[in-house]
């Protein structure tokens, strides 16, 4: 009887770990991204975390992976899922030197 709850817990834990494994955090501090380049698989997510003391507006206009996070205040984190393979240019609309390249693979 105790086996079923334990098995259920193990299965759910495995799914949670698997879901988290595909997500990476990109910090924004000192008006730069923590990773200038990153490679992820199609369908994976990046979490953009503003560790800076100023707002940022992270966006991409790359075909198939367009997004605009709007004004992201310090301490705010937002997940972005990349749906199409290819190179994705990510930048901050407020701070032009903030740029990164996301390579999305199949």
N, C-alpha and C. Protein backbone atom coordinates (compact mmCIF):
# COMPACT_ATOMS: atom_id res chain seq x y z
N UNK A 1 0.81 -1.19 0.00
CA UNK A 1 0.00 0.00 0.00
C UNK A 1 0.86 1.26 0.00
N UNK A 2 2.01 1.23 0.69
CA UNK A 2 2.90 2.39 0.73
C UNK A 2 3.66 2.56 -0.58
N UNK A 3 3.75 1.55 -1.36
CA UNK A 3 4.51 1.58 -2.59
C UNK A 3 3.91 2.55 -3.61
N UNK A 4 2.62 2.60 -3.74
CA UNK A 4 1.96 3.48 -4.71
C UNK A 4 2.26 4.95 -4.45
N UNK A 5 2.08 5.48 -3.24
CA UNK A 5 2.41 6.90 -3.02
C UNK A 5 3.89 7.20 -3.27
N UNK A 6 4.77 6.29 -2.87
CA UNK A 6 6.19 6.49 -3.08
C UNK A 6 6.52 6.48 -4.57
N UNK A 7 5.96 5.56 -5.30
CA UNK A 7 6.16 5.49 -6.74
C UNK A 7 5.64 6.75 -7.42
N UNK A 8 4.48 7.21 -7.01
CA UNK A 8 3.90 8.43 -7.57
C UNK A 8 4.82 9.62 -7.32
N UNK A 9 5.34 9.73 -6.11
CA UNK A 9 6.25 10.82 -5.78
C UNK A 9 7.52 10.77 -6.63
N UNK A 10 8.08 9.59 -6.81
CA UNK A 10 9.28 9.45 -7.62
C UNK A 10 9.03 9.82 -9.07
N UNK A 11 7.91 9.42 -9.61
CA UNK A 11 7.57 9.73 -11.00
C UNK A 11 7.41 11.25 -11.16
N UNK A 12 6.67 11.87 -10.26
CA UNK A 12 6.47 13.31 -10.35
C UNK A 12 7.78 14.07 -10.18
N UNK A 13 8.64 13.62 -9.32
CA UNK A 13 9.94 14.25 -9.12
C UNK A 13 10.77 14.14 -10.40
N UNK A 14 10.73 13.01 -11.04
CA UNK A 14 11.46 12.82 -12.28
C UNK A 14 10.99 13.76 -13.36
N UNK A 15 9.67 13.95 -13.49
CA UNK A 15 9.14 14.87 -14.48
C UNK A 15 9.56 16.29 -14.16
N UNK A 16 9.56 16.66 -12.91
CA UNK A 16 9.95 18.02 -12.53
C UNK A 16 11.41 18.27 -12.85
N UNK A 17 12.27 17.34 -12.53
CA UNK A 17 13.69 17.49 -12.81
C UNK A 17 13.91 17.58 -14.31
N UNK A 18 13.23 16.77 -15.08
CA UNK A 18 13.37 16.81 -16.53
C UNK A 18 12.93 18.14 -17.11
N UNK A 19 11.85 18.70 -16.60
CA UNK A 19 11.36 19.98 -17.10
C UNK A 19 12.34 21.09 -16.76
N UNK A 20 12.94 21.04 -15.59
CA UNK A 20 13.86 22.10 -15.18
C UNK A 20 15.20 21.99 -15.89
N UNK A 21 15.57 20.80 -16.28
CA UNK A 21 16.88 20.60 -16.90
C UNK A 21 17.01 21.35 -18.21
N UNK A 22 15.93 21.58 -18.92
CA UNK A 22 15.98 22.23 -20.22
C UNK A 22 16.01 23.75 -20.10
N UNK A 23 15.84 24.30 -18.90
CA UNK A 23 15.76 25.74 -18.71
C UNK A 23 17.08 26.29 -18.16
N UNK A 24 17.60 27.33 -18.78
CA UNK A 24 18.82 27.99 -18.32
C UNK A 24 18.49 29.43 -17.94
N UNK A 25 19.26 29.99 -17.01
CA UNK A 25 19.03 31.37 -16.58
C UNK A 25 20.06 32.28 -17.24
N UNK A 26 19.57 33.36 -17.84
CA UNK A 26 20.42 34.40 -18.40
C UNK A 26 20.27 35.60 -17.50
N UNK A 27 21.34 35.93 -16.77
CA UNK A 27 21.30 37.08 -15.88
C UNK A 27 21.60 38.36 -16.66
N UNK A 28 21.03 39.45 -16.18
CA UNK A 28 21.30 40.77 -16.72
C UNK A 28 21.87 41.60 -15.57
N UNK A 29 23.15 41.92 -15.65
CA UNK A 29 23.79 42.68 -14.58
C UNK A 29 24.91 43.52 -15.19
N UNK A 30 25.05 44.74 -14.73
CA UNK A 30 26.07 45.61 -15.29
C UNK A 30 25.77 45.98 -16.73
N UNK A 31 24.50 45.92 -17.08
CA UNK A 31 24.02 46.22 -18.44
C UNK A 31 24.63 45.30 -19.51
N UNK A 32 24.84 44.03 -19.11
CA UNK A 32 25.27 42.99 -20.06
C UNK A 32 24.54 41.69 -19.72
N UNK A 33 24.46 40.79 -20.70
CA UNK A 33 23.94 39.45 -20.48
C UNK A 33 25.06 38.58 -19.91
N UNK A 34 24.72 37.65 -19.04
CA UNK A 34 25.72 36.75 -18.46
C UNK A 34 26.28 35.79 -19.49
N UNK A 35 25.54 35.55 -20.58
CA UNK A 35 26.00 34.66 -21.65
C UNK A 35 25.89 35.40 -22.98
N UNK A 36 27.01 35.65 -23.65
CA UNK A 36 26.90 36.30 -24.96
C UNK A 36 26.37 35.34 -26.03
N UNK A 37 26.59 34.03 -25.82
CA UNK A 37 26.13 33.00 -26.75
C UNK A 37 25.64 31.80 -25.95
N UNK A 38 24.58 31.18 -26.43
CA UNK A 38 24.07 29.97 -25.79
C UNK A 38 23.42 29.10 -26.86
N UNK A 39 23.54 27.79 -26.70
CA UNK A 39 22.89 26.85 -27.60
C UNK A 39 21.85 26.07 -26.81
N UNK A 40 20.63 26.03 -27.34
CA UNK A 40 19.54 25.28 -26.71
C UNK A 40 18.80 24.49 -27.79
N UNK A 41 17.95 23.57 -27.35
CA UNK A 41 17.13 22.80 -28.29
C UNK A 41 15.79 23.51 -28.51
N UNK A 42 15.25 23.31 -29.70
CA UNK A 42 13.94 23.85 -30.03
C UNK A 42 12.93 23.37 -28.98
N UNK A 43 12.13 24.29 -28.46
CA UNK A 43 11.15 23.98 -27.44
C UNK A 43 11.65 24.23 -26.03
N UNK A 44 12.97 24.44 -25.87
CA UNK A 44 13.53 24.78 -24.56
C UNK A 44 13.30 26.26 -24.26
N UNK A 45 13.48 26.59 -22.99
CA UNK A 45 13.27 27.96 -22.53
C UNK A 45 14.54 28.54 -21.93
N UNK A 46 14.62 29.85 -21.98
CA UNK A 46 15.61 30.60 -21.23
C UNK A 46 14.85 31.50 -20.27
N UNK A 47 15.37 31.64 -19.06
CA UNK A 47 14.80 32.57 -18.09
C UNK A 47 15.68 33.80 -18.08
N UNK A 48 15.09 34.94 -18.39
CA UNK A 48 15.81 36.21 -18.36
C UNK A 48 15.56 36.85 -17.01
N UNK A 49 16.63 36.93 -16.19
CA UNK A 49 16.54 37.44 -14.82
C UNK A 49 17.27 38.78 -14.75
N UNK A 50 16.54 39.82 -14.38
CA UNK A 50 17.14 41.14 -14.25
C UNK A 50 17.75 41.28 -12.86
N UNK A 51 19.07 41.05 -12.77
CA UNK A 51 19.83 41.21 -11.52
C UNK A 51 20.44 42.60 -11.44
N UNK A 52 20.09 43.46 -12.37
CA UNK A 52 20.66 44.80 -12.44
C UNK A 52 19.88 45.75 -11.55
N UNK A 53 20.34 46.99 -11.48
CA UNK A 53 19.62 47.99 -10.69
C UNK A 53 18.84 48.96 -11.57
N UNK A 54 18.71 48.59 -12.85
CA UNK A 54 17.94 49.39 -13.81
C UNK A 54 17.01 48.46 -14.61
N UNK A 55 15.92 48.99 -15.16
CA UNK A 55 15.04 48.17 -16.00
C UNK A 55 15.71 47.81 -17.33
N UNK A 56 15.26 46.71 -17.91
CA UNK A 56 15.69 46.29 -19.25
C UNK A 56 14.44 45.94 -20.06
N UNK A 57 14.58 45.98 -21.39
CA UNK A 57 13.50 45.59 -22.29
C UNK A 57 14.08 44.60 -23.29
N UNK A 58 14.01 43.31 -22.94
CA UNK A 58 14.62 42.25 -23.74
C UNK A 58 13.66 41.86 -24.87
N UNK A 59 14.23 41.73 -26.08
CA UNK A 59 13.39 41.40 -27.24
C UNK A 59 14.18 40.68 -28.31
N UNK A 60 13.44 40.09 -29.23
CA UNK A 60 14.02 39.49 -30.43
C UNK A 60 13.03 39.69 -31.58
N UNK A 61 13.57 40.01 -32.74
CA UNK A 61 12.75 40.11 -33.95
C UNK A 61 13.11 39.00 -34.93
N UNK A 62 13.87 38.00 -34.48
CA UNK A 62 14.26 36.89 -35.34
C UNK A 62 13.05 36.05 -35.70
N UNK A 63 12.90 35.75 -36.99
CA UNK A 63 11.73 35.02 -37.50
C UNK A 63 11.50 33.72 -36.76
N UNK A 64 10.27 33.52 -36.29
CA UNK A 64 9.87 32.31 -35.59
C UNK A 64 10.10 32.36 -34.09
N UNK A 65 10.89 33.32 -33.64
CA UNK A 65 11.19 33.45 -32.21
C UNK A 65 11.06 34.91 -31.76
N UNK A 66 10.08 35.61 -32.30
CA UNK A 66 9.87 37.00 -31.92
C UNK A 66 9.29 37.08 -30.51
N UNK A 67 9.82 38.00 -29.71
CA UNK A 67 9.24 38.28 -28.40
C UNK A 67 9.70 39.66 -27.94
N UNK A 68 8.94 40.25 -27.03
CA UNK A 68 9.27 41.53 -26.42
C UNK A 68 8.79 41.48 -24.98
N UNK A 69 9.72 41.46 -24.03
CA UNK A 69 9.35 41.34 -22.62
C UNK A 69 8.87 42.65 -22.02
N UNK A 70 8.97 43.74 -22.77
CA UNK A 70 8.57 45.03 -22.22
C UNK A 70 9.53 45.44 -21.12
N UNK A 71 9.13 46.41 -20.31
CA UNK A 71 10.00 46.90 -19.25
C UNK A 71 10.09 45.85 -18.14
N UNK A 72 11.28 45.30 -17.98
CA UNK A 72 11.52 44.27 -16.98
C UNK A 72 12.28 44.92 -15.82
N UNK A 73 11.58 45.09 -14.70
CA UNK A 73 12.14 45.76 -13.54
C UNK A 73 13.19 44.92 -12.83
N UNK A 74 14.10 45.54 -12.08
CA UNK A 74 15.08 44.77 -11.31
C UNK A 74 14.40 43.72 -10.43
N UNK A 75 14.99 42.53 -10.39
CA UNK A 75 14.44 41.43 -9.60
C UNK A 75 13.40 40.60 -10.32
N UNK A 76 13.05 40.97 -11.54
CA UNK A 76 12.02 40.27 -12.31
C UNK A 76 12.65 39.19 -13.19
N UNK A 77 11.98 38.05 -13.29
CA UNK A 77 12.42 36.96 -14.16
C UNK A 77 11.28 36.57 -15.10
N UNK A 78 11.61 36.35 -16.36
CA UNK A 78 10.62 35.97 -17.36
C UNK A 78 11.16 34.85 -18.22
N UNK A 79 10.36 33.80 -18.43
CA UNK A 79 10.74 32.67 -19.28
C UNK A 79 10.35 32.96 -20.72
N UNK A 80 11.22 32.55 -21.64
CA UNK A 80 10.95 32.64 -23.07
C UNK A 80 11.23 31.27 -23.67
N UNK A 81 10.25 30.72 -24.38
CA UNK A 81 10.40 29.44 -25.06
C UNK A 81 10.72 29.70 -26.53
N UNK A 82 11.73 29.02 -27.03
CA UNK A 82 12.17 29.20 -28.41
C UNK A 82 11.58 28.08 -29.26
N UNK A 83 10.75 28.47 -30.23
CA UNK A 83 9.93 27.52 -30.99
C UNK A 83 10.51 27.11 -32.33
N UNK A 84 11.42 27.91 -32.88
CA UNK A 84 11.96 27.62 -34.21
C UNK A 84 13.48 27.50 -34.14
N UNK A 85 14.04 26.59 -34.93
CA UNK A 85 15.49 26.43 -34.93
C UNK A 85 16.14 27.56 -35.74
N UNK A 86 17.41 27.79 -35.43
CA UNK A 86 18.17 28.84 -36.11
C UNK A 86 18.80 29.79 -35.11
N UNK A 87 19.50 30.80 -35.62
CA UNK A 87 20.13 31.80 -34.77
C UNK A 87 19.13 32.88 -34.40
N UNK A 88 19.10 33.23 -33.12
CA UNK A 88 18.17 34.24 -32.61
C UNK A 88 18.99 35.34 -31.96
N UNK A 89 18.87 36.54 -32.52
CA UNK A 89 19.54 37.71 -31.95
C UNK A 89 18.64 38.28 -30.85
N UNK A 90 19.17 38.38 -29.62
CA UNK A 90 18.43 38.92 -28.48
C UNK A 90 19.13 40.20 -28.05
N UNK A 91 18.35 41.23 -27.76
CA UNK A 91 18.94 42.49 -27.34
C UNK A 91 18.05 43.22 -26.36
N UNK A 92 18.60 44.29 -25.79
CA UNK A 92 17.84 45.16 -24.90
C UNK A 92 17.53 46.43 -25.67
N UNK A 93 16.27 46.81 -25.74
CA UNK A 93 15.86 48.01 -26.47
C UNK A 93 16.33 49.28 -25.77
N UNK A 94 16.65 49.18 -24.49
CA UNK A 94 17.08 50.35 -23.72
C UNK A 94 18.59 50.53 -23.76
N UNK A 95 19.33 49.43 -23.74
CA UNK A 95 20.80 49.46 -23.69
C UNK A 95 21.36 48.74 -24.92
N UNK A 96 21.69 49.48 -25.98
CA UNK A 96 22.08 48.86 -27.27
C UNK A 96 23.28 47.93 -27.21
N UNK A 97 24.17 48.08 -26.22
CA UNK A 97 25.34 47.18 -26.17
C UNK A 97 24.96 45.79 -25.61
N UNK A 98 23.77 45.66 -25.05
CA UNK A 98 23.32 44.36 -24.53
C UNK A 98 22.80 43.51 -25.68
N UNK A 99 23.62 42.56 -26.09
CA UNK A 99 23.26 41.66 -27.19
C UNK A 99 23.71 40.26 -26.84
N UNK A 100 22.96 39.29 -27.31
CA UNK A 100 23.38 37.90 -27.19
C UNK A 100 22.82 37.12 -28.38
N UNK A 101 23.44 35.97 -28.65
CA UNK A 101 23.00 35.11 -29.74
C UNK A 101 22.57 33.78 -29.15
N UNK A 102 21.35 33.37 -29.48
CA UNK A 102 20.83 32.07 -29.04
C UNK A 102 20.77 31.18 -30.27
N UNK A 103 21.51 30.07 -30.24
CA UNK A 103 21.49 29.10 -31.34
C UNK A 103 20.50 28.02 -30.94
N UNK A 104 19.39 27.93 -31.68
CA UNK A 104 18.34 26.94 -31.38
C UNK A 104 18.48 25.80 -32.36
N UNK A 105 18.71 24.59 -31.82
CA UNK A 105 18.93 23.41 -32.65
C UNK A 105 17.71 22.49 -32.60
N UNK A 106 17.61 21.59 -33.60
CA UNK A 106 16.52 20.62 -33.63
C UNK A 106 16.75 19.51 -32.69
